[in-house]
Amino acid sequence: MAEDWAVLLMIFMLLILLVLMVAQTVRRLHDTNLSGWWWWLLLLPVLGNVFGAGIPLVDGTAGPNRFGPDPKRRTGFNPQDPQN
């Protein structure tokens, strides 16, 4: 009986961990100005490994992008700004 509860607790914790990992991956993709739907590539066998290893290596968009401001507070090129 105790083993059943331990298995259920483990499954529940793994589901929470999965949700948190997907949320963090989507945030990282938004930082690079990509849609969050790109995280589905991680489920592909070989391409997912390459994509997953490359996400942390790519620098985010300098300045604000369509998903919000730059978390590093860098200024980016704005073609509509007359001072650039």
Protein backbone atom coordinates (compact mmCIF):
# COMPACT_ATOMS: atom_id res chain seq x y z
CA MET A 1 0.00 0.00 0.00
CA ALA A 2 2.80 2.42 0.86
CA GLU A 3 4.56 1.57 -2.40
CA ASP A 4 1.45 2.60 -4.35
CA TRP A 5 1.44 6.03 -2.71
CA ALA A 6 5.15 6.40 -3.40
CA VAL A 7 4.62 5.61 -7.09
CA LEU A 8 1.73 8.09 -7.32
CA LEU A 9 3.79 10.77 -5.60
CA MET A 10 6.68 10.13 -7.99
CA ILE A 11 4.39 10.41 -11.04
CA PHE A 12 2.89 13.63 -9.69
CA MET A 13 6.34 15.12 -9.09
CA LEU A 14 7.49 14.13 -12.59
CA LEU A 15 4.44 15.80 -14.14
CA ILE A 16 5.14 19.00 -12.22
CA LEU A 17 8.77 18.85 -13.32
CA LEU A 18 7.71 18.37 -16.95
CA VAL A 19 5.43 21.42 -16.83
CA LEU A 20 8.20 23.54 -15.30
CA MET A 21 10.74 22.41 -17.90
CA VAL A 22 8.39 23.20 -20.79
CA ALA A 23 7.63 26.63 -19.30
CA GLN A 24 11.33 27.44 -18.94
CA THR A 25 12.05 26.27 -22.49
CA VAL A 26 9.24 28.46 -23.85
CA ARG A 27 10.63 31.46 -21.94
CA ARG A 28 14.07 30.81 -23.46
CA LEU A 29 12.60 30.50 -26.94
CA HIS A 30 10.76 33.79 -26.47
CA ASP A 31 14.05 35.39 -25.43
CA THR A 32 15.48 34.38 -28.81
CA ASN A 33 12.35 35.78 -30.57
CA LEU A 34 11.02 32.32 -31.48
CA SER A 35 7.52 31.03 -30.87
CA GLY A 36 7.05 28.76 -27.88
CA TRP A 37 5.69 26.08 -30.16
CA TRP A 38 9.27 25.28 -31.21
CA TRP A 39 9.66 23.26 -28.00
CA TRP A 40 7.90 20.37 -29.77
CA LEU A 41 11.15 19.83 -31.72
CA LEU A 42 12.65 18.49 -28.50
CA LEU A 43 10.51 15.37 -28.87
CA LEU A 44 12.22 14.35 -32.13
CA PRO A 45 15.03 11.83 -31.61
CA VAL A 46 18.15 13.37 -33.21
CA LEU A 47 17.01 16.84 -34.17
CA GLY A 48 15.61 17.35 -30.67
CA ASN A 49 18.99 16.63 -29.10
CA VAL A 50 20.75 19.10 -31.38
CA PHE A 51 18.06 21.73 -30.88
CA GLY A 52 18.04 21.23 -27.11
CA ALA A 53 21.81 21.54 -26.91
CA GLY A 54 21.79 24.66 -29.10
CA ILE A 55 19.11 26.64 -27.25
CA PRO A 56 21.38 27.68 -24.35
CA LEU A 57 24.20 28.60 -26.75
CA VAL A 58 22.22 31.17 -28.75
CA ASP A 59 22.25 34.71 -27.39
CA GLY A 60 18.84 36.30 -26.93
CA THR A 61 17.51 39.17 -28.98
CA ALA A 62 19.21 42.48 -28.09
CA GLY A 63 16.54 44.96 -27.10
CA PRO A 64 12.83 44.29 -26.93
CA ASN A 65 11.18 41.78 -29.22
CA ARG A 66 7.58 40.79 -29.87
CA PHE A 67 7.46 38.85 -26.58
CA GLY A 68 8.57 41.72 -24.34
CA PRO A 69 11.62 43.63 -23.12
CA ASP A 70 15.15 42.27 -23.06
CA PRO A 71 15.83 40.66 -19.65
CA LYS A 72 19.45 41.83 -19.90
CA ARG A 73 18.24 45.41 -20.54
CA ARG A 74 20.35 45.77 -23.70
CA THR A 75 19.36 48.28 -26.32
CA GLY A 76 18.72 46.94 -29.77
CA PHE A 77 18.45 48.44 -33.23
CA ASN A 78 15.06 50.03 -33.82
CA PRO A 79 14.58 51.05 -37.47
CA GLN A 80 11.75 53.42 -36.50
CA ASP A 81 13.96 55.34 -34.03
CA PRO A 82 15.43 58.43 -35.79
CA GLN A 83 18.52 58.40 -33.54
CA ASN A 84 19.73 55.03 -34.89
